[in-house]
N, C-alpha and C. Protein backbone atom coordinates (compact mmCIF):
# COMPACT_ATOMS: atom_id res chain seq x y z
N GLY A 1 0.77 -1.15 -0.15
CA GLY A 1 -0.04 -0.06 0.26
C GLY A 1 1.18 1.21 -0.08
N ALA A 2 1.65 1.59 1.16
CA ALA A 2 2.37 2.76 1.26
C ALA A 2 3.34 3.06 0.32
N ASP A 3 3.85 1.63 0.28
CA ASP A 3 5.29 1.50 -0.76
C ASP A 3 4.72 2.01 -2.31
N ALA A 4 3.88 1.33 -2.61
CA ALA A 4 3.09 1.51 -4.05
C ALA A 4 2.67 2.91 -4.17
N SER A 5 2.17 3.40 -3.13
CA SER A 5 1.67 4.92 -3.40
C SER A 5 2.82 6.05 -3.18
N ALA A 6 3.81 5.55 -2.63
CA ALA A 6 4.96 6.41 -2.85
C ALA A 6 5.80 6.56 -3.85
N MET A 7 5.77 5.43 -4.74
CA MET A 7 6.66 5.00 -5.70
C MET A 7 5.69 5.50 -6.90
N LEU A 8 4.13 5.73 -7.09
CA LEU A 8 3.53 6.43 -7.91
C LEU A 8 3.49 7.80 -7.94
N TYR A 9 3.47 8.19 -6.45
CA TYR A 9 4.00 9.95 -6.37
C TYR A 9 5.04 10.15 -6.77
N SER A 10 6.14 9.48 -6.80
CA SER A 10 7.31 10.09 -7.14
C SER A 10 7.39 10.02 -8.78
N ILE A 11 6.73 9.10 -9.35
CA ILE A 11 6.54 9.03 -10.79
C ILE A 11 5.75 10.20 -11.48
N VAL A 12 4.81 10.26 -10.68
CA VAL A 12 4.24 11.57 -11.04
C VAL A 12 4.58 12.59 -10.86
N GLU A 13 5.20 13.02 -9.61
CA GLU A 13 5.95 14.53 -9.58
C GLU A 13 7.32 14.50 -10.65
N THR A 14 8.01 13.43 -10.66
CA THR A 14 9.23 13.37 -11.83
C THR A 14 8.51 13.77 -13.01
N ALA A 15 7.33 13.23 -13.46
CA ALA A 15 7.22 13.64 -14.81
C ALA A 15 6.50 15.05 -15.09
N LYS A 16 5.67 15.55 -13.71
CA LYS A 16 5.33 16.99 -13.82
C LYS A 16 6.42 17.99 -13.78
N ALA A 17 7.78 17.67 -13.15
CA ALA A 17 8.75 18.48 -13.10
C ALA A 17 9.63 18.57 -14.70
N ASN A 18 9.28 17.38 -15.43
CA ASN A 18 10.04 17.40 -16.46
C ASN A 18 8.75 17.68 -17.62
N GLY A 19 7.51 18.54 -17.33
CA GLY A 19 6.78 19.52 -18.16
C GLY A 19 6.04 18.37 -18.94
N LEU A 20 5.92 17.46 -18.35
CA LEU A 20 4.81 16.31 -19.27
C LEU A 20 3.43 16.70 -19.06
N ILE A 21 2.57 16.23 -19.80
CA ILE A 21 1.08 15.94 -19.80
C ILE A 21 0.96 14.65 -18.95
N LEU A 22 0.49 14.72 -17.63
CA LEU A 22 0.39 13.54 -17.04
C LEU A 22 -0.59 12.39 -17.48
N TYR A 23 -1.62 12.94 -17.87
CA TYR A 23 -2.58 11.87 -18.79
C TYR A 23 -1.76 11.22 -19.74
N ASP A 24 -1.54 11.84 -20.55
CA ASP A 24 -0.54 11.11 -21.83
C ASP A 24 0.36 10.38 -21.66
N TYR A 25 0.96 11.05 -20.43
CA TYR A 25 2.45 10.00 -20.14
C TYR A 25 1.95 8.53 -19.19
N MET A 26 1.29 9.08 -18.14
CA MET A 26 0.36 7.56 -17.93
C MET A 26 -0.16 6.59 -18.47
N VAL A 27 -0.82 7.21 -19.68
CA VAL A 27 -1.58 6.22 -20.81
C VAL A 27 -0.33 5.82 -21.55
N LYS A 28 0.70 6.28 -22.12
CA LYS A 28 1.87 5.85 -22.81
C LYS A 28 2.66 4.62 -21.75
N CYS A 29 2.54 4.95 -20.51
CA CYS A 29 3.33 4.09 -19.50
C CYS A 29 2.38 2.70 -19.56
N MET A 30 1.07 2.63 -19.52
CA MET A 30 0.22 1.61 -19.35
C MET A 30 0.42 0.55 -20.35
N LYS A 31 0.21 1.39 -21.38
CA LYS A 31 0.31 0.79 -22.98
C LYS A 31 1.91 0.12 -23.31
N GLU A 32 2.60 0.73 -22.69
CA GLU A 32 4.16 0.38 -22.84
C GLU A 32 4.06 -0.95 -21.92
N LEU A 33 3.81 -1.01 -20.54
CA LEU A 33 4.16 -1.91 -19.79
C LEU A 33 2.99 -3.21 -20.01
N ALA A 34 2.03 -3.13 -20.86
CA ALA A 34 1.22 -4.32 -21.35
C ALA A 34 1.96 -4.96 -22.26
N LYS A 35 3.00 -4.78 -23.08
CA LYS A 35 3.49 -5.23 -23.86
C LYS A 35 4.43 -6.65 -23.04
N ALA A 36 4.60 -7.62 -23.76
CA ALA A 36 5.22 -8.88 -23.57
C ALA A 36 6.81 -8.39 -23.09
N GLU A 37 7.22 -7.41 -24.08
CA GLU A 37 8.82 -7.07 -23.54
C GLU A 37 8.88 -5.48 -23.57
N PRO A 38 8.32 -4.70 -22.59
CA PRO A 38 8.33 -3.21 -22.51
C PRO A 38 9.83 -2.59 -22.69
N ASP A 39 9.83 -1.58 -23.36
CA ASP A 39 11.11 -0.75 -23.37
C ASP A 39 10.92 0.23 -22.20
N ILE A 40 11.33 -0.27 -21.17
CA ILE A 40 11.53 0.71 -20.03
C ILE A 40 12.16 2.01 -20.19
N ASP A 41 13.40 2.22 -20.57
CA ASP A 41 14.05 3.27 -20.90
C ASP A 41 13.00 4.07 -21.50
N THR A 42 12.12 3.75 -22.35
CA THR A 42 11.48 4.87 -22.98
C THR A 42 10.37 5.51 -22.14
N LEU A 43 10.07 4.91 -21.16
CA LEU A 43 9.05 5.38 -20.04
C LEU A 43 9.63 6.57 -19.11
N LEU A 44 11.36 6.57 -18.83
CA LEU A 44 11.98 7.42 -18.03
C LEU A 44 11.21 9.09 -18.49
N PRO A 45 10.77 9.65 -17.39
CA PRO A 45 10.23 11.06 -17.74
C PRO A 45 10.68 11.77 -18.43
N TRP A 46 12.18 11.77 -18.48
CA TRP A 46 13.42 12.86 -19.25
C TRP A 46 13.48 12.16 -20.69
N SER A 47 13.18 10.96 -20.85
CA SER A 47 13.08 10.26 -22.38
C SER A 47 11.88 10.09 -22.94
N PHE A 48 10.90 10.82 -22.49
CA PHE A 48 9.41 10.37 -23.05
C PHE A 48 9.27 11.46 -24.12
N LYS A 49 8.80 11.10 -25.27
CA LYS A 49 8.88 12.06 -26.45
C LYS A 49 7.10 12.28 -26.22
N HIS A 50 6.59 13.57 -26.27
CA HIS A 50 5.27 14.18 -26.26
C HIS A 50 4.73 13.63 -27.78
């Protein structure tokens, strides 16, 4: 519970600090993570392409 919440909060705040549109970023993350072999590096907020 608390660990998962803290992790999500960290991801959200990092995305916001990198100027991302949070909804678009989260949708992209969910779609990529649903793949059999997700490319985790593309999901880093500083690597995300709008």
